[in-house]
Amino acid sequence: MVHVGPDEQPLQHEIGSRTFFVADVETLDVDGVRTVEVGSALWLIAFLGLLPFYGRLEESGHLWWLWTCMAGFGLGLIGLEFCRRRRKARLEREVALAELTGEDDL
């Protein structure tokens, strides 16, 4: 037997002899902005942490570690802008949909 919730999504699934229940939870960080911000900050911290060891990294042939951190930070900034634009577009789309349907929840 499959129970169906108010939004027509099954609340439990029976697969073989096992029953799996679907939890009703909110998604986390749908737009990814916070995730990319944290990742970019970690790359920057790693770069700054390796910077005092520039000479030692160069001598041992591991200077690429430093530039990998800088590339991670730079690509993270590009990704951050992408995620912010995506979030803005999604919010604008939700507002437009709410105006069309007459909802004032947003």
C-alpha atoms as a PDB file:
ATOM      1  CA  MET A   1       0.000   0.000   0.000  1.00  0.00           C
ATOM      2  CA  VAL A   2       1.339   3.456  -0.924  1.00  0.00           C
ATOM      3  CA  HIS A   3       0.145   6.444   1.075  1.00  0.00           C
ATOM      4  CA  VAL A   4      -0.084   9.724  -0.826  1.00  0.00           C
ATOM      5  CA  GLY A   5       0.373  13.109   0.812  1.00  0.00           C
ATOM      6  CA  PRO A   6      -1.458  16.362   0.081  1.00  0.00           C
ATOM      7  CA  ASP A   7       0.919  17.309  -2.744  1.00  0.00           C
ATOM      8  CA  GLU A   8       0.458  13.924  -4.454  1.00  0.00           C
ATOM      9  CA  GLN A   9       3.935  12.681  -3.478  1.00  0.00           C
ATOM     10  CA  PRO A  10       4.093   9.197  -1.952  1.00  0.00           C
ATOM     11  CA  LEU A  11       4.862   9.215   1.776  1.00  0.00           C
ATOM     12  CA  GLN A  12       6.116   5.662   1.774  1.00  0.00           C
ATOM     13  CA  HIS A  13       7.474   3.238  -0.789  1.00  0.00           C
ATOM     14  CA  GLU A  14       7.383  -0.521  -0.640  1.00  0.00           C
ATOM     15  CA  ILE A  15      10.314  -2.137  -2.395  1.00  0.00           C
ATOM     16  CA  GLY A  16      10.457  -5.885  -2.032  1.00  0.00           C
ATOM     17  CA  SER A  17       9.794  -6.767   1.581  1.00  0.00           C
ATOM     18  CA  ARG A  18      10.947  -3.387   2.888  1.00  0.00           C
ATOM     19  CA  THR A  19       8.980  -0.204   3.438  1.00  0.00           C
ATOM     20  CA  PHE A  20      10.718   3.152   3.084  1.00  0.00           C
ATOM     21  CA  PHE A  21       9.175   6.315   4.512  1.00  0.00           C
ATOM     22  CA  VAL A  22       9.728   9.693   2.855  1.00  0.00           C
ATOM     23  CA  ALA A  23      10.464  12.449   5.357  1.00  0.00           C
ATOM     24  CA  ASP A  24       8.853  15.835   4.804  1.00  0.00           C
ATOM     25  CA  VAL A  25      11.893  18.120   5.154  1.00  0.00           C
ATOM     26  CA  GLU A  26      12.869  21.436   3.624  1.00  0.00           C
ATOM     27  CA  THR A  27      15.773  21.442   1.201  1.00  0.00           C
ATOM     28  CA  LEU A  28      19.008  23.073   2.316  1.00  0.00           C
ATOM     29  CA  ASP A  29      20.762  25.786   0.339  1.00  0.00           C
ATOM     30  CA  VAL A  30      18.744  25.392  -2.844  1.00  0.00           C
ATOM     31  CA  ASP A  31      20.646  28.074  -4.733  1.00  0.00           C
ATOM     32  CA  GLY A  32      24.169  27.067  -3.654  1.00  0.00           C
ATOM     33  CA  VAL A  33      25.316  30.596  -2.785  1.00  0.00           C
ATOM     34  CA  ARG A  34      26.337  29.780   0.782  1.00  0.00           C
ATOM     35  CA  THR A  35      28.099  26.600  -0.303  1.00  0.00           C
ATOM     36  CA  VAL A  36      30.147  28.411  -2.951  1.00  0.00           C
ATOM     37  CA  GLU A  37      30.935  31.240  -0.508  1.00  0.00           C
ATOM     38  CA  VAL A  38      32.293  28.790   2.064  1.00  0.00           C
ATOM     39  CA  GLY A  39      34.261  26.865  -0.557  1.00  0.00           C
ATOM     40  CA  SER A  40      35.796  30.037  -1.977  1.00  0.00           C
ATOM     41  CA  ALA A  41      36.717  31.245   1.507  1.00  0.00           C
ATOM     42  CA  LEU A  42      38.420  27.921   2.254  1.00  0.00           C
ATOM     43  CA  TRP A  43      40.478  28.139  -0.959  1.00  0.00           C
ATOM     44  CA  LEU A  44      41.523  31.689  -0.030  1.00  0.00           C
ATOM     45  CA  ILE A  45      42.475  30.614   3.499  1.00  0.00           C
ATOM     46  CA  ALA A  46      44.521  27.741   2.062  1.00  0.00           C
ATOM     47  CA  PHE A  47      46.291  30.168  -0.310  1.00  0.00           C
ATOM     48  CA  LEU A  48      47.064  32.589   2.498  1.00  0.00           C
ATOM     49  CA  GLY A  49      48.207  29.710   4.715  1.00  0.00           C
ATOM     50  CA  LEU A  50      50.650  28.461   2.062  1.00  0.00           C
ATOM     51  CA  LEU A  51      51.932  31.907   1.079  1.00  0.00           C
ATOM     52  CA  PRO A  52      54.576  32.117   3.867  1.00  0.00           C
ATOM     53  CA  PHE A  53      56.020  28.826   2.599  1.00  0.00           C
ATOM     54  CA  TYR A  54      56.520  30.069  -0.970  1.00  0.00           C
ATOM     55  CA  GLY A  55      60.269  29.385  -0.961  1.00  0.00           C
ATOM     56  CA  ARG A  56      59.943  25.942   0.549  1.00  0.00           C
ATOM     57  CA  LEU A  57      57.178  25.012  -1.892  1.00  0.00           C
ATOM     58  CA  GLU A  58      59.297  26.224  -4.809  1.00  0.00           C
ATOM     59  CA  GLU A  59      62.328  24.215  -3.643  1.00  0.00           C
ATOM     60  CA  SER A  60      60.335  21.020  -3.242  1.00  0.00           C
ATOM     61  CA  GLY A  61      58.496  21.378  -6.554  1.00  0.00           C
ATOM     62  CA  HIS A  62      55.118  21.879  -4.874  1.00  0.00           C
ATOM     63  CA  LEU A  63      54.551  25.487  -5.888  1.00  0.00           C
ATOM     64  CA  TRP A  64      51.547  24.318  -7.860  1.00  0.00           C
ATOM     65  CA  TRP A  65      49.740  23.855  -4.511  1.00  0.00           C
ATOM     66  CA  LEU A  66      49.733  27.619  -4.068  1.00  0.00           C
ATOM     67  CA  TRP A  67      48.409  28.296  -7.558  1.00  0.00           C
ATOM     68  CA  THR A  68      45.799  25.559  -7.221  1.00  0.00           C
ATOM     69  CA  CYS A  69      44.423  27.397  -4.196  1.00  0.00           C
ATOM     70  CA  MET A  70      44.376  30.672  -6.116  1.00  0.00           C
ATOM     71  CA  ALA A  71      42.618  29.003  -9.057  1.00  0.00           C
ATOM     72  CA  GLY A  72      40.061  27.454  -6.686  1.00  0.00           C
ATOM     73  CA  PHE A  73      39.359  30.861  -5.190  1.00  0.00           C
ATOM     74  CA  GLY A  74      39.081  32.540  -8.601  1.00  0.00           C
ATOM     75  CA  LEU A  75      36.789  29.858 -10.001  1.00  0.00           C
ATOM     76  CA  GLY A  76      34.762  30.063  -6.805  1.00  0.00           C
ATOM     77  CA  LEU A  77      34.195  33.781  -7.402  1.00  0.00           C
ATOM     78  CA  ILE A  78      32.954  33.011 -10.907  1.00  0.00           C
ATOM     79  CA  GLY A  79      30.698  30.294  -9.499  1.00  0.00           C
ATOM     80  CA  LEU A  80      29.445  32.666  -6.817  1.00  0.00           C
ATOM     81  CA  GLU A  81      28.336  35.200  -9.401  1.00  0.00           C
ATOM     82  CA  PHE A  82      26.637  32.418 -11.380  1.00  0.00           C
ATOM     83  CA  CYS A  83      24.769  31.193  -8.278  1.00  0.00           C
ATOM     84  CA  ARG A  84      23.707  34.709  -7.289  1.00  0.00           C
ATOM     85  CA  ARG A  85      22.307  35.358 -10.762  1.00  0.00           C
ATOM     86  CA  ARG A  86      20.493  32.017 -10.702  1.00  0.00           C
ATOM     87  CA  ARG A  87      19.001  32.821  -7.269  1.00  0.00           C
ATOM     88  CA  LYS A  88      17.905  36.254  -8.452  1.00  0.00           C
ATOM     89  CA  ALA A  89      16.267  34.800 -11.577  1.00  0.00           C
ATOM     90  CA  ARG A  90      14.501  32.125  -9.514  1.00  0.00           C
ATOM     91  CA  LEU A  91      13.147  34.701  -7.052  1.00  0.00           C
ATOM     92  CA  GLU A  92      11.966  36.948  -9.891  1.00  0.00           C
ATOM     93  CA  ARG A  93      10.229  33.970 -11.488  1.00  0.00           C
ATOM     94  CA  GLU A  94       8.528  33.106  -8.171  1.00  0.00           C
ATOM     95  CA  VAL A  95       7.352  36.708  -7.717  1.00  0.00           C
ATOM     96  CA  ALA A  96       5.991  36.817 -11.277  1.00  0.00           C
ATOM     97  CA  LEU A  97       4.189  33.504 -10.733  1.00  0.00           C
ATOM     98  CA  ALA A  98       2.739  34.775  -7.448  1.00  0.00           C
ATOM     99  CA  GLU A  99       1.482  37.924  -9.186  1.00  0.00           C
ATOM    100  CA  LEU A 100      -0.164  35.837 -11.908  1.00  0.00           C
ATOM    101  CA  THR A 101      -1.876  33.543  -9.435  1.00  0.00           C
ATOM    102  CA  GLY A 102      -2.781  36.371  -7.068  1.00  0.00           C
ATOM    103  CA  GLU A 103      -0.829  35.071  -4.090  1.00  0.00           C
ATOM    104  CA  ASP A 104       0.654  37.573  -1.631  1.00  0.00           C
ATOM    105  CA  ASP A 105       2.829  35.116   0.328  1.00  0.00           C
ATOM    106  CA  LEU A 106       6.159  36.351  -1.083  1.00  0.00           C
END
